[in-house]
Amino acid sequence: MEKKLSEMKYGEKGTVKRIEGKLRAQIAGMGIREGQEVEMTTKQPIKGPLTITMGRANTSLGIGLAEQIIVEVEG
C-alpha cells in the first residue's frame, strides 16, 4: 500500500517509491532516494518534524518534505 512518508506510523517500514517535484535534489544529500528502505522512528504531533531510519543512519524531516515522499509500506 502506498502512502506519504508523513502518514507512516511509529515503527512502520517501507520503501521510497516516488519523490514529488524538485525535491529529489534537495534530499539526495540526506540519503533519501527512490528504492531506499525507511523506518519511521519518531513522529511529533501537530505537524512537527519526524525522524526516519535508513540502514544505520537517522535523519529528521519537516512535515512539508515528508508529504512529498511516497512510500510503499510493508504489510
N, C-alpha and C. Protein backbone atom coordinates (compact mmCIF):
# COMPACT_ATOMS: atom_id res chain seq x y z
N MET A 1 0.84 -1.17 0.00
CA MET A 1 0.00 0.00 0.00
C MET A 1 0.89 1.25 0.00
N GLU A 2 0.58 2.18 -0.86
CA GLU A 2 1.35 3.43 -0.93
C GLU A 2 0.75 4.47 -0.01
N LYS A 3 1.63 5.24 0.64
CA LYS A 3 1.20 6.37 1.45
C LYS A 3 2.32 7.38 1.50
N LYS A 4 1.99 8.57 1.93
CA LYS A 4 3.01 9.61 2.11
C LYS A 4 3.86 9.25 3.31
N LEU A 5 5.11 9.63 3.26
CA LEU A 5 6.02 9.39 4.39
C LEU A 5 5.45 10.01 5.66
N SER A 6 4.82 11.15 5.53
CA SER A 6 4.23 11.83 6.69
C SER A 6 3.08 11.05 7.31
N GLU A 7 2.50 10.11 6.59
CA GLU A 7 1.37 9.32 7.09
C GLU A 7 1.79 8.01 7.76
N MET A 8 3.07 7.68 7.67
CA MET A 8 3.54 6.45 8.30
C MET A 8 3.40 6.53 9.81
N LYS A 9 3.19 5.37 10.44
CA LYS A 9 3.07 5.29 11.88
C LYS A 9 4.42 4.91 12.49
N TYR A 10 4.55 5.16 13.79
CA TYR A 10 5.77 4.83 14.51
C TYR A 10 6.11 3.34 14.32
N GLY A 11 7.35 3.05 13.94
CA GLY A 11 7.81 1.68 13.76
C GLY A 11 7.47 1.06 12.41
N GLU A 12 6.70 1.76 11.60
CA GLU A 12 6.31 1.24 10.29
C GLU A 12 7.49 1.31 9.32
N LYS A 13 7.60 0.30 8.46
CA LYS A 13 8.70 0.23 7.49
C LYS A 13 8.14 0.26 6.08
N GLY A 14 8.97 0.75 5.17
CA GLY A 14 8.56 0.80 3.77
C GLY A 14 9.73 1.15 2.87
N THR A 15 9.42 1.26 1.58
CA THR A 15 10.41 1.58 0.56
C THR A 15 9.97 2.83 -0.18
N VAL A 16 10.88 3.78 -0.35
CA VAL A 16 10.56 5.01 -1.07
C VAL A 16 10.27 4.65 -2.53
N LYS A 17 9.08 5.01 -3.00
CA LYS A 17 8.66 4.71 -4.37
C LYS A 17 8.79 5.91 -5.29
N ARG A 18 8.46 7.09 -4.76
CA ARG A 18 8.41 8.27 -5.61
C ARG A 18 8.70 9.51 -4.76
N ILE A 19 9.41 10.43 -5.36
CA ILE A 19 9.69 11.71 -4.72
C ILE A 19 9.12 12.79 -5.62
N GLU A 20 8.20 13.56 -5.09
CA GLU A 20 7.47 14.55 -5.87
C GLU A 20 8.32 15.77 -6.24
N GLY A 21 8.02 16.35 -7.37
CA GLY A 21 8.57 17.63 -7.79
C GLY A 21 10.08 17.73 -7.81
N LYS A 22 10.58 18.89 -7.40
CA LYS A 22 12.01 19.20 -7.42
C LYS A 22 12.71 18.78 -6.14
N LEU A 23 12.04 18.01 -5.33
CA LEU A 23 12.57 17.63 -4.03
C LEU A 23 13.75 16.67 -4.11
N ARG A 24 13.87 15.90 -5.19
CA ARG A 24 14.94 14.89 -5.31
C ARG A 24 16.32 15.45 -5.01
N ALA A 25 16.66 16.55 -5.64
CA ALA A 25 17.99 17.14 -5.46
C ALA A 25 18.18 17.63 -4.03
N GLN A 26 17.13 18.17 -3.44
CA GLN A 26 17.22 18.73 -2.10
C GLN A 26 17.50 17.66 -1.05
N ILE A 27 16.89 16.48 -1.20
CA ILE A 27 17.05 15.45 -0.18
C ILE A 27 18.07 14.38 -0.52
N ALA A 28 18.67 14.47 -1.70
CA ALA A 28 19.67 13.47 -2.09
C ALA A 28 20.83 13.43 -1.09
N GLY A 29 21.23 14.56 -0.57
CA GLY A 29 22.31 14.62 0.40
C GLY A 29 21.96 13.97 1.73
N MET A 30 20.67 13.79 1.98
CA MET A 30 20.21 13.13 3.21
C MET A 30 20.21 11.61 3.06
N GLY A 31 20.45 11.14 1.84
CA GLY A 31 20.45 9.70 1.60
C GLY A 31 19.09 9.16 1.24
N ILE A 32 18.10 10.03 1.10
CA ILE A 32 16.76 9.59 0.75
C ILE A 32 16.64 9.56 -0.77
N ARG A 33 16.35 8.38 -1.30
CA ARG A 33 16.21 8.23 -2.75
C ARG A 33 15.22 7.11 -3.04
N GLU A 34 14.74 7.05 -4.26
CA GLU A 34 13.82 6.00 -4.64
C GLU A 34 14.49 4.65 -4.48
N GLY A 35 13.75 3.68 -3.91
CA GLY A 35 14.28 2.35 -3.66
C GLY A 35 14.88 2.20 -2.27
N GLN A 36 15.05 3.30 -1.54
CA GLN A 36 15.62 3.29 -0.20
C GLN A 36 14.61 2.76 0.81
N GLU A 37 15.04 1.83 1.67
CA GLU A 37 14.18 1.33 2.74
C GLU A 37 14.24 2.29 3.92
N VAL A 38 13.07 2.60 4.48
CA VAL A 38 12.98 3.53 5.60
C VAL A 38 12.10 2.96 6.71
N GLU A 39 12.36 3.43 7.93
CA GLU A 39 11.52 3.08 9.08
C GLU A 39 11.21 4.36 9.84
N MET A 40 9.94 4.55 10.20
CA MET A 40 9.55 5.72 10.98
C MET A 40 10.04 5.52 12.41
N THR A 41 10.91 6.41 12.87
CA THR A 41 11.50 6.29 14.20
C THR A 41 10.76 7.15 15.22
N THR A 42 10.54 8.41 14.90
CA THR A 42 9.76 9.31 15.77
C THR A 42 8.90 10.21 14.92
N LYS A 43 7.79 10.61 15.48
CA LYS A 43 6.86 11.49 14.78
C LYS A 43 6.24 12.42 15.81
N GLN A 44 6.48 13.71 15.66
CA GLN A 44 5.97 14.70 16.60
C GLN A 44 4.53 15.07 16.23
N PRO A 45 3.70 15.33 17.22
CA PRO A 45 2.30 15.69 16.94
C PRO A 45 2.18 17.10 16.38
N ILE A 46 1.03 17.39 15.86
CA ILE A 46 0.66 18.71 15.37
C ILE A 46 1.66 19.27 14.36
N LYS A 47 1.83 18.54 13.29
CA LYS A 47 2.66 18.98 12.15
C LYS A 47 4.12 19.19 12.51
N GLY A 48 4.61 18.49 13.51
CA GLY A 48 6.02 18.60 13.91
C GLY A 48 6.90 17.74 13.01
N PRO A 49 8.20 17.82 13.21
CA PRO A 49 9.13 17.04 12.39
C PRO A 49 9.06 15.55 12.72
N LEU A 50 9.62 14.75 11.84
CA LEU A 50 9.68 13.31 12.06
C LEU A 50 11.09 12.83 11.79
N THR A 51 11.42 11.67 12.34
CA THR A 51 12.75 11.08 12.15
C THR A 51 12.57 9.71 11.54
N ILE A 52 13.37 9.43 10.50
CA ILE A 52 13.35 8.12 9.86
C ILE A 52 14.73 7.49 9.95
N THR A 53 14.75 6.16 9.92
CA THR A 53 16.00 5.42 9.92
C THR A 53 16.15 4.76 8.56
N MET A 54 17.35 4.86 7.99
CA MET A 54 17.69 4.23 6.72
C MET A 54 18.97 3.46 6.98
N GLY A 55 18.87 2.14 7.09
CA GLY A 55 20.03 1.35 7.46
C GLY A 55 20.42 1.69 8.89
N ARG A 56 21.61 2.23 9.08
CA ARG A 56 22.06 2.63 10.42
C ARG A 56 22.05 4.14 10.59
N ALA A 57 21.56 4.87 9.61
CA ALA A 57 21.55 6.33 9.66
C ALA A 57 20.15 6.85 9.99
N ASN A 58 20.10 7.91 10.77
CA ASN A 58 18.84 8.59 11.09
C ASN A 58 18.86 9.96 10.45
N THR A 59 17.68 10.41 10.02
CA THR A 59 17.57 11.77 9.51
C THR A 59 16.22 12.34 9.91
N SER A 60 16.19 13.63 10.12
CA SER A 60 14.97 14.32 10.53
C SER A 60 14.46 15.16 9.36
N LEU A 61 13.14 15.16 9.19
CA LEU A 61 12.50 15.90 8.10
C LEU A 61 11.34 16.71 8.62
N GLY A 62 11.11 17.85 8.01
CA GLY A 62 9.90 18.61 8.30
C GLY A 62 8.71 17.92 7.64
N ILE A 63 7.54 18.18 8.15
CA ILE A 63 6.34 17.53 7.65
C ILE A 63 6.08 17.89 6.18
N GLY A 64 6.43 19.11 5.77
CA GLY A 64 6.23 19.53 4.38
C GLY A 64 7.02 18.68 3.40
N LEU A 65 8.27 18.37 3.74
CA LEU A 65 9.09 17.50 2.89
C LEU A 65 8.53 16.08 2.90
N ALA A 66 8.16 15.60 4.07
CA ALA A 66 7.68 14.23 4.21
C ALA A 66 6.38 13.99 3.43
N GLU A 67 5.60 15.03 3.22
CA GLU A 67 4.34 14.90 2.48
C GLU A 67 4.59 14.70 0.98
N GLN A 68 5.80 14.99 0.52
CA GLN A 68 6.12 14.87 -0.91
C GLN A 68 6.86 13.58 -1.25
N ILE A 69 7.03 12.71 -0.26
CA ILE A 69 7.73 11.43 -0.47
C ILE A 69 6.72 10.30 -0.34
N ILE A 70 6.57 9.51 -1.39
CA ILE A 70 5.60 8.41 -1.42
C ILE A 70 6.34 7.11 -1.11
N VAL A 71 5.78 6.34 -0.17
CA VAL A 71 6.42 5.12 0.33
C VAL A 71 5.49 3.93 0.13
N GLU A 72 6.03 2.81 -0.31
CA GLU A 72 5.31 1.54 -0.35
C GLU A 72 5.52 0.89 1.01
N VAL A 73 4.44 0.76 1.79
CA VAL A 73 4.52 0.25 3.16
C VAL A 73 4.35 -1.25 3.18
N GLU A 74 5.15 -1.90 4.02
CA GLU A 74 5.06 -3.36 4.17
C GLU A 74 3.76 -3.72 4.88
N GLY A 75 3.22 -4.87 4.51
CA GLY A 75 2.04 -5.38 5.18
C GLY A 75 0.84 -4.76 4.65
